[in-house]
PDB file of N, CA and C in Angstrom:
ATOM      1  N   UNK A   1       0.872  -1.173  -0.005  1.00  0.00           N
ATOM      2  CA  UNK A   1      -0.010   0.002  -0.002  1.00  0.00           C
ATOM      3  C   UNK A   1       0.915   1.247  -0.002  1.00  0.00           C
ATOM      4  N   UNK A   2       0.502   2.176  -0.786  1.00  0.00           N
ATOM      5  CA  UNK A   2       1.256   3.419  -0.943  1.00  0.00           C
ATOM      6  C   UNK A   2       1.016   4.325   0.301  1.00  0.00           C
ATOM      7  N   UNK A   3       1.988   5.014   0.715  1.00  0.00           N
ATOM      8  CA  UNK A   3       1.834   5.987   1.750  1.00  0.00           C
ATOM      9  C   UNK A   3       0.869   7.098   1.312  1.00  0.00           C
ATOM     10  N   UNK A   4      -0.150   7.449   2.093  1.00  0.00           N
ATOM     11  CA  UNK A   4      -1.139   8.461   1.665  1.00  0.00           C
ATOM     12  C   UNK A   4      -0.529   9.822   1.364  1.00  0.00           C
ATOM     13  N   UNK A   5       0.589  10.127   1.945  1.00  0.00           N
ATOM     14  CA  UNK A   5       1.189  11.432   1.696  1.00  0.00           C
ATOM     15  C   UNK A   5       1.805  11.555   0.309  1.00  0.00           C
ATOM     16  N   UNK A   6       2.035  10.402  -0.368  1.00  0.00           N
ATOM     17  CA  UNK A   6       2.632  10.464  -1.717  1.00  0.00           C
ATOM     18  C   UNK A   6       1.530  10.383  -2.790  1.00  0.00           C
ATOM     19  N   UNK A   7       0.288  10.272  -2.401  1.00  0.00           N
ATOM     20  CA  UNK A   7      -0.777  10.155  -3.376  1.00  0.00           C
ATOM     21  C   UNK A   7      -1.210  11.529  -3.879  1.00  0.00           C
ATOM     22  N   UNK A   8      -1.720  11.517  -5.109  1.00  0.00           N
ATOM     23  CA  UNK A   8      -2.236  12.802  -5.646  1.00  0.00           C
ATOM     24  C   UNK A   8      -3.480  13.211  -4.928  1.00  0.00           C
ATOM     25  N   UNK A   9      -3.462  14.443  -4.401  1.00  0.00           N
ATOM     26  CA  UNK A   9      -4.600  14.910  -3.644  1.00  0.00           C
ATOM     27  C   UNK A   9      -5.736  15.314  -4.574  1.00  0.00           C
ATOM     28  N   UNK A  10      -6.974  15.079  -4.082  1.00  0.00           N
ATOM     29  CA  UNK A  10      -8.127  15.578  -4.800  1.00  0.00           C
ATOM     30  C   UNK A  10      -8.618  14.722  -5.929  1.00  0.00           C
ATOM     31  N   UNK A  11      -8.023  13.578  -6.189  1.00  0.00           N
ATOM     32  CA  UNK A  11      -8.502  12.705  -7.215  1.00  0.00           C
ATOM     33  C   UNK A  11      -9.465  11.656  -6.648  1.00  0.00           C
ATOM     34  N   UNK A  12     -10.376  11.218  -7.436  1.00  0.00           N
ATOM     35  CA  UNK A  12     -11.301  10.150  -6.985  1.00  0.00           C
ATOM     36  C   UNK A  12     -11.271   9.058  -7.994  1.00  0.00           C
ATOM     37  N   UNK A  13     -11.742   7.864  -7.567  1.00  0.00           N
ATOM     38  CA  UNK A  13     -11.931   6.782  -8.494  1.00  0.00           C
ATOM     39  C   UNK A  13     -10.770   5.912  -8.740  1.00  0.00           C
ATOM     40  N   UNK A  14      -9.588   6.248  -8.234  1.00  0.00           N
ATOM     41  CA  UNK A  14      -8.416   5.401  -8.438  1.00  0.00           C
ATOM     42  C   UNK A  14      -8.157   4.385  -7.356  1.00  0.00           C
ATOM     43  N   UNK A  15      -9.031   4.291  -6.376  1.00  0.00           N
ATOM     44  CA  UNK A  15      -8.817   3.445  -5.217  1.00  0.00           C
ATOM     45  C   UNK A  15     -10.026   2.592  -4.962  1.00  0.00           C
ATOM     46  N   UNK A  16      -9.816   1.449  -4.355  1.00  0.00           N
ATOM     47  CA  UNK A  16     -10.904   0.532  -4.027  1.00  0.00           C
ATOM     48  C   UNK A  16     -10.829   0.187  -2.519  1.00  0.00           C
ATOM     49  N   UNK A  17     -11.834   0.564  -1.709  1.00  0.00           N
ATOM     50  CA  UNK A  17     -11.846   0.089  -0.338  1.00  0.00           C
ATOM     51  C   UNK A  17     -12.376  -1.328  -0.286  1.00  0.00           C
ATOM     52  N   UNK A  18     -11.678  -2.178   0.470  1.00  0.00           N
ATOM     53  CA  UNK A  18     -12.074  -3.641   0.599  1.00  0.00           C
ATOM     54  C   UNK A  18     -12.346  -3.887   2.081  1.00  0.00           C
ATOM     55  N   UNK A  19     -13.532  -4.415   2.361  1.00  0.00           N
ATOM     56  CA  UNK A  19     -13.867  -4.703   3.787  1.00  0.00           C
ATOM     57  C   UNK A  19     -13.828  -6.222   4.038  1.00  0.00           C
ATOM     58  N   UNK A  20     -13.112  -6.576   5.027  1.00  0.00           N
ATOM     59  CA  UNK A  20     -13.047  -7.977   5.474  1.00  0.00           C
ATOM     60  C   UNK A  20     -14.327  -8.235   6.282  1.00  0.00           C
ATOM     61  N   UNK A  21     -15.210  -8.999   5.684  1.00  0.00           N
ATOM     62  CA  UNK A  21     -16.508  -9.272   6.323  1.00  0.00           C
ATOM     63  C   UNK A  21     -16.360 -10.052   7.625  1.00  0.00           C
ATOM     64  N   UNK A  22     -15.288 -10.840   7.765  1.00  0.00           N
ATOM     65  CA  UNK A  22     -15.096 -11.584   9.018  1.00  0.00           C
ATOM     66  C   UNK A  22     -14.606 -10.741  10.166  1.00  0.00           C
ATOM     67  N   UNK A  23     -14.124  -9.537   9.822  1.00  0.00           N
ATOM     68  CA  UNK A  23     -13.627  -8.661  10.848  1.00  0.00           C
ATOM     69  C   UNK A  23     -14.594  -7.495  11.170  1.00  0.00           C
ATOM     70  N   UNK A  24     -15.339  -7.034  10.205  1.00  0.00           N
ATOM     71  CA  UNK A  24     -16.187  -5.876  10.381  1.00  0.00           C
ATOM     72  C   UNK A  24     -17.286  -6.104  11.463  1.00  0.00           C
ATOM     73  N   UNK A  25     -17.392  -5.128  12.358  1.00  0.00           N
ATOM     74  CA  UNK A  25     -18.406  -5.179  13.441  1.00  0.00           C
ATOM     75  C   UNK A  25     -19.402  -4.015  13.293  1.00  0.00           C
ATOM     76  N   UNK A  26     -19.314  -3.319  12.186  1.00  0.00           N
ATOM     77  CA  UNK A  26     -20.318  -2.242  11.925  1.00  0.00           C
ATOM     78  C   UNK A  26     -20.312  -1.140  12.935  1.00  0.00           C
ATOM     79  N   UNK A  27     -19.157  -0.792  13.445  1.00  0.00           N
ATOM     80  CA  UNK A  27     -19.085   0.312  14.462  1.00  0.00           C
ATOM     81  C   UNK A  27     -19.109   1.690  13.835  1.00  0.00           C
ATOM     82  N   UNK A  28     -19.036   1.823  12.529  1.00  0.00           N
ATOM     83  CA  UNK A  28     -19.248   3.068  11.781  1.00  0.00           C
ATOM     84  C   UNK A  28     -18.141   4.065  11.946  1.00  0.00           C
ATOM     85  N   UNK A  29     -16.948   3.689  12.379  1.00  0.00           N
ATOM     86  CA  UNK A  29     -15.828   4.632  12.409  1.00  0.00           C
ATOM     87  C   UNK A  29     -15.472   5.081  10.973  1.00  0.00           C
ATOM     88  N   UNK A  30     -15.565   4.186  10.024  1.00  0.00           N
ATOM     89  CA  UNK A  30     -15.259   4.514   8.614  1.00  0.00           C
ATOM     90  C   UNK A  30     -16.259   5.534   8.079  1.00  0.00           C
ATOM     91  N   UNK A  31     -17.539   5.394   8.440  1.00  0.00           N
ATOM     92  CA  UNK A  31     -18.522   6.298   7.971  1.00  0.00           C
ATOM     93  C   UNK A  31     -18.237   7.713   8.549  1.00  0.00           C
ATOM     94  N   UNK A  32     -17.854   7.765   9.812  1.00  0.00           N
ATOM     95  CA  UNK A  32     -17.608   9.046  10.462  1.00  0.00           C
ATOM     96  C   UNK A  32     -16.388   9.816   9.866  1.00  0.00           C
ATOM     97  N   UNK A  33     -15.334   9.070   9.453  1.00  0.00           N
ATOM     98  CA  UNK A  33     -14.135   9.800   9.049  1.00  0.00           C
ATOM     99  C   UNK A  33     -13.975   9.990   7.509  1.00  0.00           C
ATOM    100  N   UNK A  34     -14.742   9.246   6.720  1.00  0.00           N
ATOM    101  CA  UNK A  34     -14.536   9.332   5.268  1.00  0.00           C
ATOM    102  C   UNK A  34     -15.018  10.671   4.722  1.00  0.00           C
ATOM    103  N   UNK A  35     -14.092  11.436   4.092  1.00  0.00           N
ATOM    104  CA  UNK A  35     -14.468  12.744   3.541  1.00  0.00           C
ATOM    105  C   UNK A  35     -15.281  12.654   2.255  1.00  0.00           C
ATOM    106  N   UNK A  36     -15.349  11.528   1.657  1.00  0.00           N
ATOM    107  CA  UNK A  36     -16.089  11.306   0.424  1.00  0.00           C
ATOM    108  C   UNK A  36     -17.378  10.532   0.593  1.00  0.00           C
ATOM    109  N   UNK A  37     -17.784  10.230   1.793  1.00  0.00           N
ATOM    110  CA  UNK A  37     -19.002   9.504   2.106  1.00  0.00           C
ATOM    111  C   UNK A  37     -19.078   8.192   1.341  1.00  0.00           C
ATOM    112  N   UNK A  38     -17.960   7.437   1.325  1.00  0.00           N
ATOM    113  CA  UNK A  38     -17.909   6.205   0.653  1.00  0.00           C
ATOM    114  C   UNK A  38     -18.672   5.097   1.370  1.00  0.00           C
ATOM    115  N   UNK A  39     -18.706   5.158   2.705  1.00  0.00           N
ATOM    116  CA  UNK A  39     -19.253   4.049   3.518  1.00  0.00           C
ATOM    117  C   UNK A  39     -20.634   4.293   4.080  1.00  0.00           C
ATOM    118  N   UNK A  40     -21.401   3.220   4.313  1.00  0.00           N
ATOM    119  CA  UNK A  40     -22.643   3.241   4.951  1.00  0.00           C
ATOM    120  C   UNK A  40     -22.765   1.976   5.730  1.00  0.00           C
ATOM    121  N   UNK A  41     -23.500   2.000   6.866  1.00  0.00           N
ATOM    122  CA  UNK A  41     -23.775   0.809   7.606  1.00  0.00           C
ATOM    123  C   UNK A  41     -25.093   0.214   7.137  1.00  0.00           C
ATOM    124  N   UNK A  42     -25.073  -1.019   6.736  1.00  0.00           N
ATOM    125  CA  UNK A  42     -26.235  -1.681   6.167  1.00  0.00           C
ATOM    126  C   UNK A  42     -26.395  -3.068   6.771  1.00  0.00           C
ATOM    127  N   UNK A  43     -27.559  -3.615   6.574  1.00  0.00           N
ATOM    128  CA  UNK A  43     -27.833  -4.990   6.985  1.00  0.00           C
ATOM    129  C   UNK A  43     -26.938  -5.884   6.111  1.00  0.00           C
ATOM    130  N   UNK A  44     -26.334  -6.870   6.767  1.00  0.00           N
ATOM    131  CA  UNK A  44     -25.446  -7.829   6.080  1.00  0.00           C
ATOM    132  C   UNK A  44     -26.217  -8.590   5.006  1.00  0.00           C
ATOM    133  N   UNK A  45     -25.730  -8.525   3.806  1.00  0.00           N
ATOM    134  CA  UNK A  45     -26.379  -9.183   2.674  1.00  0.00           C
ATOM    135  C   UNK A  45     -26.245 -10.699   2.773  1.00  0.00           C
ATOM    136  N   UNK A  46     -27.247 -11.399   2.278  1.00  0.00           N
ATOM    137  CA  UNK A  46     -27.295 -12.837   2.421  1.00  0.00           C
ATOM    138  C   UNK A  46     -26.064 -13.581   1.898  1.00  0.00           C
ATOM    139  N   UNK A  47     -25.614 -13.147   0.722  1.00  0.00           N
ATOM    140  CA  UNK A  47     -24.420 -13.810   0.159  1.00  0.00           C
ATOM    141  C   UNK A  47     -23.162 -13.544   1.006  1.00  0.00           C
ATOM    142  N   UNK A  48     -23.054 -12.361   1.603  1.00  0.00           N
ATOM    143  CA  UNK A  48     -21.940 -12.040   2.434  1.00  0.00           C
ATOM    144  C   UNK A  48     -22.016 -12.830   3.751  1.00  0.00           C
ATOM    145  N   UNK A  49     -23.287 -12.950   4.263  1.00  0.00           N
ATOM    146  CA  UNK A  49     -23.459 -13.770   5.507  1.00  0.00           C
ATOM    147  C   UNK A  49     -23.068 -15.230   5.277  1.00  0.00           C
ATOM    148  N   UNK A  50     -23.433 -15.739   4.128  1.00  0.00           N
ATOM    149  CA  UNK A  50     -23.140 -17.156   3.823  1.00  0.00           C
ATOM    150  C   UNK A  50     -21.686 -17.403   3.705  1.00  0.00           C
ATOM    151  N   UNK A  51     -20.864 -16.399   3.348  1.00  0.00           N
ATOM    152  CA  UNK A  51     -19.430 -16.604   3.132  1.00  0.00           C
ATOM    153  C   UNK A  51     -18.668 -16.414   4.455  1.00  0.00           C
ATOM    154  N   UNK A  52     -19.318 -15.993   5.510  1.00  0.00           N
ATOM    155  CA  UNK A  52     -18.591 -15.768   6.766  1.00  0.00           C
ATOM    156  C   UNK A  52     -18.152 -17.091   7.397  1.00  0.00           C
ATOM    157  N   UNK A  53     -17.048 -16.989   8.084  1.00  0.00           N
ATOM    158  CA  UNK A  53     -16.582 -18.125   8.914  1.00  0.00           C
ATOM    159  C   UNK A  53     -17.402 -18.109  10.204  1.00  0.00           C
ATOM    160  N   UNK A  54     -17.140 -19.131  11.072  1.00  0.00           N
ATOM    161  CA  UNK A  54     -17.900 -19.210  12.325  1.00  0.00           C
ATOM    162  C   UNK A  54     -17.773 -17.983  13.200  1.00  0.00           C
ATOM    163  N   UNK A  55     -16.546 -17.506  13.351  1.00  0.00           N
ATOM    164  CA  UNK A  55     -16.323 -16.312  14.181  1.00  0.00           C
ATOM    165  C   UNK A  55     -17.007 -15.048  13.571  1.00  0.00           C
ATOM    166  N   UNK A  56     -16.932 -14.962  12.251  1.00  0.00           N
ATOM    167  CA  UNK A  56     -17.580 -13.874  11.523  1.00  0.00           C
ATOM    168  C   UNK A  56     -19.097 -13.876  11.721  1.00  0.00           C
ATOM    169  N   UNK A  57     -19.686 -15.076  11.707  1.00  0.00           N
ATOM    170  CA  UNK A  57     -21.131 -15.215  11.905  1.00  0.00           C
ATOM    171  C   UNK A  57     -21.511 -14.827  13.318  1.00  0.00           C
ATOM    172  N   UNK A  58     -20.684 -15.200  14.281  1.00  0.00           N
ATOM    173  CA  UNK A  58     -20.929 -14.827  15.678  1.00  0.00           C
ATOM    174  C   UNK A  58     -20.836 -13.316  15.854  1.00  0.00           C
ATOM    175  N   UNK A  59     -19.804 -12.696  15.278  1.00  0.00           N
ATOM    176  CA  UNK A  59     -19.685 -11.258  15.324  1.00  0.00           C
ATOM    177  C   UNK A  59     -20.892 -10.544  14.682  1.00  0.00           C
ATOM    178  N   UNK A  60     -21.303 -11.056  13.525  1.00  0.00           N
ATOM    179  CA  UNK A  60     -22.490 -10.476  12.846  1.00  0.00           C
ATOM    180  C   UNK A  60     -23.728 -10.550  13.725  1.00  0.00           C
ATOM    181  N   UNK A  61     -23.930 -11.689  14.388  1.00  0.00           N
ATOM    182  CA  UNK A  61     -25.083 -11.872  15.228  1.00  0.00           C
ATOM    183  C   UNK A  61     -25.027 -10.912  16.453  1.00  0.00           C
ATOM    184  N   UNK A  62     -23.873 -10.829  17.073  1.00  0.00           N
ATOM    185  CA  UNK A  62     -23.690  -9.950  18.261  1.00  0.00           C
ATOM    186  C   UNK A  62     -23.931  -8.473  17.917  1.00  0.00           C
ATOM    187  N   UNK A  63     -23.557  -8.074  16.685  1.00  0.00           N
ATOM    188  CA  UNK A  63     -23.652  -6.703  16.269  1.00  0.00           C
ATOM    189  C   UNK A  63     -24.947  -6.445  15.415  1.00  0.00           C
ATOM    190  N   UNK A  64     -25.911  -7.229  15.556  1.00  0.00           N
ATOM    191  CA  UNK A  64     -27.173  -6.996  14.946  1.00  0.00           C
ATOM    192  C   UNK A  64     -27.250  -7.145  13.436  1.00  0.00           C
ATOM    193  N   UNK A  65     -26.248  -7.860  12.870  1.00  0.00           N
ATOM    194  CA  UNK A  65     -26.265  -8.121  11.438  1.00  0.00           C
ATOM    195  C   UNK A  65     -25.948  -6.909  10.626  1.00  0.00           C
ATOM    196  N   UNK A  66     -25.342  -5.872  11.231  1.00  0.00           N
ATOM    197  CA  UNK A  66     -25.002  -4.635  10.529  1.00  0.00           C
ATOM    198  C   UNK A  66     -23.476  -4.592  10.230  1.00  0.00           C
ATOM    199  N   UNK A  67     -23.131  -4.212   9.007  1.00  0.00           N
ATOM    200  CA  UNK A  67     -21.769  -4.044   8.651  1.00  0.00           C
ATOM    201  C   UNK A  67     -21.579  -2.828   7.744  1.00  0.00           C
ATOM    202  N   UNK A  68     -20.321  -2.433   7.605  1.00  0.00           N
ATOM    203  CA  UNK A  68     -20.018  -1.331   6.700  1.00  0.00           C
ATOM    204  C   UNK A  68     -19.996  -1.857   5.218  1.00  0.00           C
ATOM    205  N   UNK A  69     -20.467  -1.067   4.352  1.00  0.00           N
ATOM    206  CA  UNK A  69     -20.429  -1.324   2.911  1.00  0.00           C
ATOM    207  C   UNK A  69     -19.856  -0.099   2.253  1.00  0.00           C
ATOM    208  N   UNK A  70     -19.032  -0.307   1.239  1.00  0.00           N
ATOM    209  CA  UNK A  70     -18.513   0.793   0.414  1.00  0.00           C
ATOM    210  C   UNK A  70     -19.540   1.129  -0.688  1.00  0.00           C
ATOM    211  N   UNK A  71     -20.558   1.822  -0.319  1.00  0.00           N
ATOM    212  CA  UNK A  71     -21.667   2.065  -1.251  1.00  0.00           C
ATOM    213  C   UNK A  71     -21.343   3.066  -2.383  1.00  0.00           C
ATOM    214  N   UNK A  72     -20.288   3.863  -2.164  1.00  0.00           N
ATOM    215  CA  UNK A  72     -19.861   4.782  -3.181  1.00  0.00           C
ATOM    216  C   UNK A  72     -18.323   4.607  -3.347  1.00  0.00           C
ATOM    217  N   UNK A  73     -17.914   3.352  -3.564  1.00  0.00           N
ATOM    218  CA  UNK A  73     -16.486   3.014  -3.706  1.00  0.00           C
ATOM    219  C   UNK A  73     -15.789   3.774  -4.822  1.00  0.00           C
ATOM    220  N   UNK A  74     -16.579   4.129  -5.885  1.00  0.00           N
ATOM    221  CA  UNK A  74     -15.983   4.925  -6.963  1.00  0.00           C
ATOM    222  C   UNK A  74     -15.547   6.318  -6.567  1.00  0.00           C
ATOM    223  N   UNK A  75     -15.961   6.764  -5.378  1.00  0.00           N
ATOM    224  CA  UNK A  75     -15.614   8.093  -4.920  1.00  0.00           C
ATOM    225  C   UNK A  75     -14.333   8.073  -4.052  1.00  0.00           C
ATOM    226  N   UNK A  76     -13.840   6.864  -3.733  1.00  0.00           N
ATOM    227  CA  UNK A  76     -12.665   6.754  -2.830  1.00  0.00           C
ATOM    228  C   UNK A  76     -11.452   7.432  -3.472  1.00  0.00           C
ATOM    229  N   UNK A  77     -10.779   8.265  -2.718  1.00  0.00           N
ATOM    230  CA  UNK A  77      -9.588   8.920  -3.172  1.00  0.00           C
ATOM    231  C   UNK A  77      -8.298   8.427  -2.433  1.00  0.00           C
ATOM    232  N   UNK A  78      -8.406   7.361  -1.684  1.00  0.00           N
ATOM    233  CA  UNK A  78      -7.253   6.688  -1.142  1.00  0.00           C
ATOM    234  C   UNK A  78      -6.609   7.401   0.019  1.00  0.00           C
ATOM    235  N   UNK A  79      -7.328   8.155   0.827  1.00  0.00           N
ATOM    236  CA  UNK A  79      -6.699   8.860   1.924  1.00  0.00           C
ATOM    237  C   UNK A  79      -6.356   7.944   3.119  1.00  0.00           C
ATOM    238  N   UNK A  80      -6.964   6.773   3.138  1.00  0.00           N
ATOM    239  CA  UNK A  80      -6.710   5.764   4.195  1.00  0.00           C
ATOM    240  C   UNK A  80      -7.266   6.137   5.565  1.00  0.00           C
ATOM    241  N   UNK A  81      -8.071   7.199   5.662  1.00  0.00           N
ATOM    242  CA  UNK A  81      -8.635   7.547   7.008  1.00  0.00           C
ATOM    243  C   UNK A  81      -9.479   6.421   7.561  1.00  0.00           C
ATOM    244  N   UNK A  82     -10.182   5.743   6.638  1.00  0.00           N
ATOM    245  CA  UNK A  82     -11.027   4.586   7.099  1.00  0.00           C
ATOM    246  C   UNK A  82     -10.175   3.477   7.651  1.00  0.00           C
ATOM    247  N   UNK A  83      -9.032   3.206   7.050  1.00  0.00           N
ATOM    248  CA  UNK A  83      -8.100   2.135   7.455  1.00  0.00           C
ATOM    249  C   UNK A  83      -7.673   2.402   8.891  1.00  0.00           C
ATOM    250  N   UNK A  84      -7.224   3.679   9.147  1.00  0.00           N
ATOM    251  CA  UNK A  84      -6.696   4.011  10.440  1.00  0.00           C
ATOM    252  C   UNK A  84      -7.808   4.096  11.531  1.00  0.00           C
ATOM    253  N   UNK A  85      -9.050   4.433  11.125  1.00  0.00           N
ATOM    254  CA  UNK A  85     -10.116   4.588  12.064  1.00  0.00           C
ATOM    255  C   UNK A  85     -10.752   3.248  12.441  1.00  0.00           C
ATOM    256  N   UNK A  86     -10.717   2.265  11.606  1.00  0.00           N
ATOM    257  CA  UNK A  86     -11.411   0.998  11.909  1.00  0.00           C
ATOM    258  C   UNK A  86     -10.771   0.285  13.089  1.00  0.00           C
ATOM    259  N   UNK A  87     -11.513   0.069  14.189  1.00  0.00           N
ATOM    260  CA  UNK A  87     -10.974  -0.600  15.330  1.00  0.00           C
ATOM    261  C   UNK A  87     -10.714  -2.067  15.108  1.00  0.00           C
ATOM    262  N   UNK A  88     -11.348  -2.656  14.114  1.00  0.00           N
ATOM    263  CA  UNK A  88     -11.167  -4.094  13.831  1.00  0.00           C
ATOM    264  C   UNK A  88     -10.141  -4.376  12.740  1.00  0.00           C
ATOM    265  N   UNK A  89      -9.601  -3.286  12.155  1.00  0.00           N
ATOM    266  CA  UNK A  89      -8.664  -3.399  11.067  1.00  0.00           C
ATOM    267  C   UNK A  89      -9.266  -4.220   9.917  1.00  0.00           C
ATOM    268  N   UNK A  90     -10.529  -3.908   9.620  1.00  0.00           N
ATOM    269  CA  UNK A  90     -11.307  -4.664   8.629  1.00  0.00           C
ATOM    270  C   UNK A  90     -11.198  -4.019   7.208  1.00  0.00           C
ATOM    271  N   UNK A  91     -10.554  -2.860   7.070  1.00  0.00           N
ATOM    272  CA  UNK A  91     -10.529  -2.232   5.756  1.00  0.00           C
ATOM    273  C   UNK A  91      -9.106  -2.072   5.227  1.00  0.00           C
ATOM    274  N   UNK A  92      -8.992  -2.359   3.938  1.00  0.00           N
ATOM    275  CA  UNK A  92      -7.772  -2.060   3.204  1.00  0.00           C
ATOM    276  C   UNK A  92      -8.183  -1.218   2.036  1.00  0.00           C
ATOM    277  N   UNK A  93      -7.260  -0.398   1.551  1.00  0.00           N
ATOM    278  CA  UNK A  93      -7.511   0.355   0.316  1.00  0.00           C
ATOM    279  C   UNK A  93      -6.479   0.014  -0.678  1.00  0.00           C
ATOM    280  N   UNK A  94      -6.892  -0.401  -1.866  1.00  0.00           N
ATOM    281  CA  UNK A  94      -5.930  -0.856  -2.894  1.00  0.00           C
ATOM    282  C   UNK A  94      -6.126   0.022  -4.139  1.00  0.00           C
ATOM    283  N   UNK A  95      -5.038   0.226  -4.875  1.00  0.00           N
ATOM    284  CA  UNK A  95      -5.098   0.959  -6.110  1.00  0.00           C
ATOM    285  C   UNK A  95      -5.794   0.136  -7.173  1.00  0.00           C
ATOM    286  N   UNK A  96      -6.629   0.798  -7.907  1.00  0.00           N
ATOM    287  CA  UNK A  96      -7.276   0.105  -9.054  1.00  0.00           C
ATOM    288  C   UNK A  96      -6.203  -0.094 -10.177  1.00  0.00           C
ATOM    289  N   UNK A  97      -6.293  -1.260 -10.805  1.00  0.00           N
ATOM    290  CA  UNK A  97      -5.300  -1.485 -11.874  1.00  0.00           C
ATOM    291  C   UNK A  97      -5.865  -1.124 -13.221  1.00  0.00           C
TER     292      UNK A  97
END
């Protein structure tokens, strides 16, 4: 991952936020810090729930089946604020190829 200080400021669409469904607890820290409103907390989708491991299913149940989704991923500009804010370390940001 590239250091955010070396990235071009003000550009959008060149980055992809990836959420680890087995780690996300839907605490919304990513929603609070994202300057581009990339994230939203939503009900865990059936296909995502089915792909969870046992611990991930337990976390989802405990947290009411809510997780973060990158609903406007195309707006991500790679600042990594979500990565640093997530208490579960469930988010990575990768450059689009």
